[in-house]
Every structure is written in C-alpha cells, then in structure tokens.
C-alpha cells in the first residue's frame, strides 16, 4: 500500500500515539474511530486540537465533522498546509 502524503502520516502517527497513549497504533487511509480503542467524542476533540497544534492549522467544526475516515483528515491537513505556502 502506498500512502499519499507520507510526511503527513508520519507526523500524524506521533499525534495519534500521544492522544491515545498507544505506541503500537499504525495509521491507514481507511481507518475510522471504530478501529481505535478509546476513540470516542472526547478523544476526537483532543485529537483535532492536537492535530491543529502539530500542523499549525485550524479546522472548522464543519470540516472536523465531515471527516469519515483518516484519509479524509490527511487530505484536509495536506490542503491546509498547501494553502499556507
């Protein structure tokens, strides 16, 4: 499997491992909250805040709510980074 935006996945892996306190988490594009123990609504808020901090971006509530899978988040992060350039 080839990951689009591998640099985003690498940084995002650190964020996920920190938020969920699990050094064994391996991210993949089709990942959803159902794939991660403890990924509930509170964890989702912590995750979005950690993503914003790690990537120096801001996500609107509508953007965060529209994310169905991890690949969507990665694409959104990549587009936000591109917009900053």
N, C-alpha and C. Protein backbone atom coordinates (compact mmCIF):
# COMPACT_ATOMS: atom_id res chain seq x y z
N UNK A 1 0.84 -1.18 0.00
CA UNK A 1 0.00 0.00 0.00
C UNK A 1 0.89 1.25 0.00
N UNK A 2 0.65 2.15 -0.92
CA UNK A 2 1.38 3.40 -0.99
C UNK A 2 0.52 4.48 -0.35
N UNK A 3 1.09 5.20 0.57
CA UNK A 3 0.35 6.25 1.24
C UNK A 3 0.54 7.57 0.51
N UNK A 4 -0.56 8.25 0.26
CA UNK A 4 -0.47 9.60 -0.25
C UNK A 4 -0.12 10.49 0.94
N UNK A 5 0.77 11.45 0.74
CA UNK A 5 1.20 12.36 1.79
C UNK A 5 1.90 11.62 2.94
N UNK A 6 2.97 10.88 2.65
CA UNK A 6 3.62 10.09 3.71
C UNK A 6 4.16 10.94 4.85
N UNK A 7 4.57 12.18 4.57
CA UNK A 7 5.08 13.05 5.64
C UNK A 7 3.97 13.41 6.62
N UNK A 8 2.75 13.60 6.11
CA UNK A 8 1.61 13.88 6.99
C UNK A 8 1.31 12.66 7.85
N UNK A 9 1.31 11.48 7.25
CA UNK A 9 1.06 10.26 8.03
C UNK A 9 2.10 10.07 9.13
N UNK A 10 3.35 10.39 8.82
CA UNK A 10 4.41 10.21 9.81
C UNK A 10 4.17 11.11 11.02
N UNK A 11 3.91 12.38 10.78
CA UNK A 11 3.65 13.30 11.88
C UNK A 11 2.35 12.97 12.59
N UNK A 12 1.35 12.57 11.84
CA UNK A 12 0.06 12.23 12.41
C UNK A 12 0.13 10.99 13.29
N UNK A 13 1.00 10.06 12.94
CA UNK A 13 1.19 8.86 13.77
C UNK A 13 1.63 9.25 15.17
N UNK A 14 2.56 10.21 15.26
CA UNK A 14 3.01 10.68 16.57
C UNK A 14 1.85 11.29 17.36
N UNK A 15 1.01 12.06 16.67
CA UNK A 15 -0.15 12.68 17.32
C UNK A 15 -1.10 11.60 17.85
N UNK A 16 -1.43 10.63 17.02
CA UNK A 16 -2.33 9.55 17.43
C UNK A 16 -1.75 8.78 18.61
N UNK A 17 -0.48 8.46 18.55
CA UNK A 17 0.14 7.68 19.63
C UNK A 17 0.12 8.45 20.93
N UNK A 18 0.27 9.77 20.85
CA UNK A 18 0.23 10.60 22.05
C UNK A 18 -1.21 10.71 22.59
N UNK A 19 -2.16 11.03 21.73
CA UNK A 19 -3.55 11.22 22.16
C UNK A 19 -4.13 9.93 22.74
N UNK A 20 -3.86 8.81 22.08
CA UNK A 20 -4.46 7.54 22.52
C UNK A 20 -3.53 6.72 23.41
N UNK A 21 -2.36 7.28 23.72
CA UNK A 21 -1.38 6.63 24.59
C UNK A 21 -1.15 5.18 24.19
N UNK A 22 -0.87 5.00 22.90
CA UNK A 22 -0.65 3.67 22.33
C UNK A 22 0.44 3.76 21.27
N UNK A 23 1.62 3.29 21.63
CA UNK A 23 2.77 3.35 20.72
C UNK A 23 2.68 2.36 19.57
N UNK A 24 1.67 1.51 19.58
CA UNK A 24 1.54 0.50 18.53
C UNK A 24 0.54 0.87 17.43
N UNK A 25 -0.08 2.05 17.54
CA UNK A 25 -1.06 2.45 16.52
C UNK A 25 -0.37 2.60 15.17
N UNK A 26 -0.95 1.97 14.17
CA UNK A 26 -0.47 2.10 12.79
C UNK A 26 -1.62 2.68 11.98
N UNK A 27 -1.37 3.83 11.38
CA UNK A 27 -2.43 4.52 10.64
C UNK A 27 -2.55 3.98 9.22
N UNK A 28 -3.79 4.02 8.70
CA UNK A 28 -4.04 3.64 7.32
C UNK A 28 -5.22 4.47 6.81
N UNK A 29 -5.28 4.71 5.51
CA UNK A 29 -6.26 5.65 4.96
C UNK A 29 -7.71 5.35 5.31
N UNK A 30 -8.09 4.10 5.40
CA UNK A 30 -9.49 3.75 5.66
C UNK A 30 -9.83 3.67 7.14
N UNK A 31 -8.88 4.01 8.03
CA UNK A 31 -9.09 3.95 9.47
C UNK A 31 -10.23 4.88 9.89
N UNK A 32 -11.05 4.38 10.82
CA UNK A 32 -12.12 5.18 11.42
C UNK A 32 -12.01 5.07 12.94
N UNK A 33 -12.86 5.79 13.64
CA UNK A 33 -12.86 5.75 15.09
C UNK A 33 -13.10 4.32 15.61
N UNK A 34 -13.85 3.55 14.86
CA UNK A 34 -14.14 2.18 15.27
C UNK A 34 -12.89 1.30 15.32
N UNK A 35 -11.83 1.72 14.63
CA UNK A 35 -10.59 0.94 14.58
C UNK A 35 -9.64 1.22 15.74
N UNK A 36 -9.96 2.22 16.57
CA UNK A 36 -9.03 2.63 17.63
C UNK A 36 -9.75 2.57 18.98
N UNK A 37 -9.20 1.77 19.90
CA UNK A 37 -9.76 1.69 21.24
C UNK A 37 -9.71 3.08 21.90
N UNK A 38 -10.83 3.49 22.45
CA UNK A 38 -10.86 4.75 23.17
C UNK A 38 -11.15 5.97 22.32
N UNK A 39 -11.40 5.78 21.03
CA UNK A 39 -11.68 6.94 20.16
C UNK A 39 -13.16 7.25 20.26
N UNK A 40 -13.49 8.04 21.26
CA UNK A 40 -14.86 8.47 21.48
C UNK A 40 -14.95 9.97 21.18
N UNK A 41 -16.07 10.59 21.50
CA UNK A 41 -16.25 12.00 21.15
C UNK A 41 -15.25 12.91 21.87
N UNK A 42 -14.95 12.63 23.12
CA UNK A 42 -13.97 13.43 23.86
C UNK A 42 -12.57 13.25 23.26
N UNK A 43 -12.22 12.02 22.97
CA UNK A 43 -10.92 11.77 22.34
C UNK A 43 -10.84 12.45 20.98
N UNK A 44 -11.95 12.51 20.28
CA UNK A 44 -11.96 13.15 18.97
C UNK A 44 -11.64 14.64 19.10
N UNK A 45 -12.19 15.29 20.13
CA UNK A 45 -11.88 16.70 20.36
C UNK A 45 -10.40 16.87 20.68
N UNK A 46 -9.88 16.01 21.55
CA UNK A 46 -8.45 16.08 21.88
C UNK A 46 -7.60 15.85 20.64
N UNK A 47 -8.03 14.92 19.80
CA UNK A 47 -7.29 14.60 18.57
C UNK A 47 -7.27 15.81 17.63
N UNK A 48 -8.42 16.42 17.40
CA UNK A 48 -8.48 17.57 16.50
C UNK A 48 -7.61 18.71 17.03
N UNK A 49 -7.67 18.97 18.32
CA UNK A 49 -6.83 20.02 18.90
C UNK A 49 -5.35 19.69 18.76
N UNK A 50 -4.99 18.44 18.97
CA UNK A 50 -3.59 18.03 18.82
C UNK A 50 -3.13 18.14 17.37
N UNK A 51 -4.01 17.80 16.43
CA UNK A 51 -3.69 17.92 15.00
C UNK A 51 -3.45 19.39 14.65
N UNK A 52 -4.34 20.25 15.13
CA UNK A 52 -4.19 21.68 14.85
C UNK A 52 -2.86 22.20 15.37
N UNK A 53 -2.49 21.79 16.57
CA UNK A 53 -1.22 22.22 17.16
C UNK A 53 -0.03 21.65 16.40
N UNK A 54 -0.06 20.38 16.11
CA UNK A 54 1.07 19.71 15.45
C UNK A 54 1.34 20.26 14.06
N UNK A 55 0.27 20.62 13.35
CA UNK A 55 0.44 21.06 11.97
C UNK A 55 0.27 22.58 11.81
N UNK A 56 0.06 23.28 12.91
CA UNK A 56 -0.15 24.74 12.88
C UNK A 56 -1.23 25.14 11.89
N UNK A 57 -2.38 24.46 12.02
CA UNK A 57 -3.53 24.74 11.15
C UNK A 57 -4.76 24.89 12.04
N UNK A 58 -5.84 25.34 11.45
CA UNK A 58 -7.13 25.41 12.14
C UNK A 58 -8.16 24.67 11.30
N UNK A 59 -8.96 23.84 11.97
CA UNK A 59 -10.04 23.12 11.30
C UNK A 59 -11.36 23.66 11.85
N UNK A 60 -12.27 23.97 10.97
CA UNK A 60 -13.58 24.42 11.43
C UNK A 60 -14.34 23.21 11.98
N UNK A 61 -15.37 23.50 12.75
CA UNK A 61 -16.20 22.42 13.29
C UNK A 61 -16.83 21.63 12.15
N UNK A 62 -17.25 22.33 11.10
CA UNK A 62 -17.85 21.64 9.94
C UNK A 62 -16.84 20.73 9.25
N UNK A 63 -15.61 21.21 9.11
CA UNK A 63 -14.57 20.37 8.50
C UNK A 63 -14.32 19.13 9.35
N UNK A 64 -14.17 19.32 10.64
CA UNK A 64 -13.91 18.18 11.54
C UNK A 64 -15.07 17.19 11.51
N UNK A 65 -16.29 17.69 11.47
CA UNK A 65 -17.46 16.82 11.48
C UNK A 65 -17.64 16.06 10.17
N UNK A 66 -17.07 16.59 9.09
CA UNK A 66 -17.25 15.96 7.78
C UNK A 66 -16.29 14.81 7.51
N UNK A 67 -15.34 14.60 8.39
CA UNK A 67 -14.31 13.58 8.17
C UNK A 67 -14.86 12.19 8.46
N UNK A 68 -14.86 11.34 7.45
CA UNK A 68 -15.40 9.98 7.61
C UNK A 68 -14.31 8.96 7.93
N UNK A 69 -13.11 9.22 7.46
CA UNK A 69 -12.00 8.26 7.66
C UNK A 69 -10.70 9.03 7.73
N UNK A 70 -9.66 8.36 8.14
CA UNK A 70 -8.37 9.01 8.35
C UNK A 70 -7.83 9.63 7.06
N UNK A 71 -8.03 8.96 5.94
CA UNK A 71 -7.55 9.51 4.67
C UNK A 71 -8.13 10.88 4.38
N UNK A 72 -9.38 11.11 4.80
CA UNK A 72 -10.00 12.43 4.64
C UNK A 72 -9.27 13.48 5.47
N UNK A 73 -8.91 13.12 6.69
CA UNK A 73 -8.17 14.04 7.55
C UNK A 73 -6.81 14.35 6.95
N UNK A 74 -6.12 13.34 6.46
CA UNK A 74 -4.80 13.54 5.86
C UNK A 74 -4.90 14.49 4.66
N UNK A 75 -5.88 14.28 3.81
CA UNK A 75 -6.06 15.16 2.65
C UNK A 75 -6.36 16.59 3.07
N UNK A 76 -7.18 16.74 4.11
CA UNK A 76 -7.50 18.07 4.61
C UNK A 76 -6.27 18.76 5.18
N UNK A 77 -5.49 18.02 5.96
CA UNK A 77 -4.25 18.58 6.51
C UNK A 77 -3.33 19.01 5.38
N UNK A 78 -3.14 18.15 4.39
CA UNK A 78 -2.26 18.46 3.27
C UNK A 78 -2.73 19.71 2.53
N UNK A 79 -4.04 19.85 2.34
CA UNK A 79 -4.55 21.03 1.63
C UNK A 79 -4.36 22.29 2.47
N UNK A 80 -4.53 22.19 3.79
CA UNK A 80 -4.31 23.33 4.66
C UNK A 80 -2.84 23.77 4.65
N UNK A 81 -1.95 22.79 4.65
CA UNK A 81 -0.51 23.09 4.60
C UNK A 81 -0.18 23.77 3.27
N UNK A 82 -0.75 23.25 2.19
CA UNK A 82 -0.51 23.82 0.86
C UNK A 82 -1.02 25.25 0.79
N UNK A 83 -2.15 25.52 1.39
CA UNK A 83 -2.73 26.88 1.37
C UNK A 83 -1.83 27.88 2.08
N UNK A 84 -1.08 27.42 3.09
CA UNK A 84 -0.20 28.30 3.84
C UNK A 84 1.05 28.69 3.07
N UNK A 85 1.38 27.93 2.04
CA UNK A 85 2.62 28.19 1.29
C UNK A 85 2.47 29.36 0.35
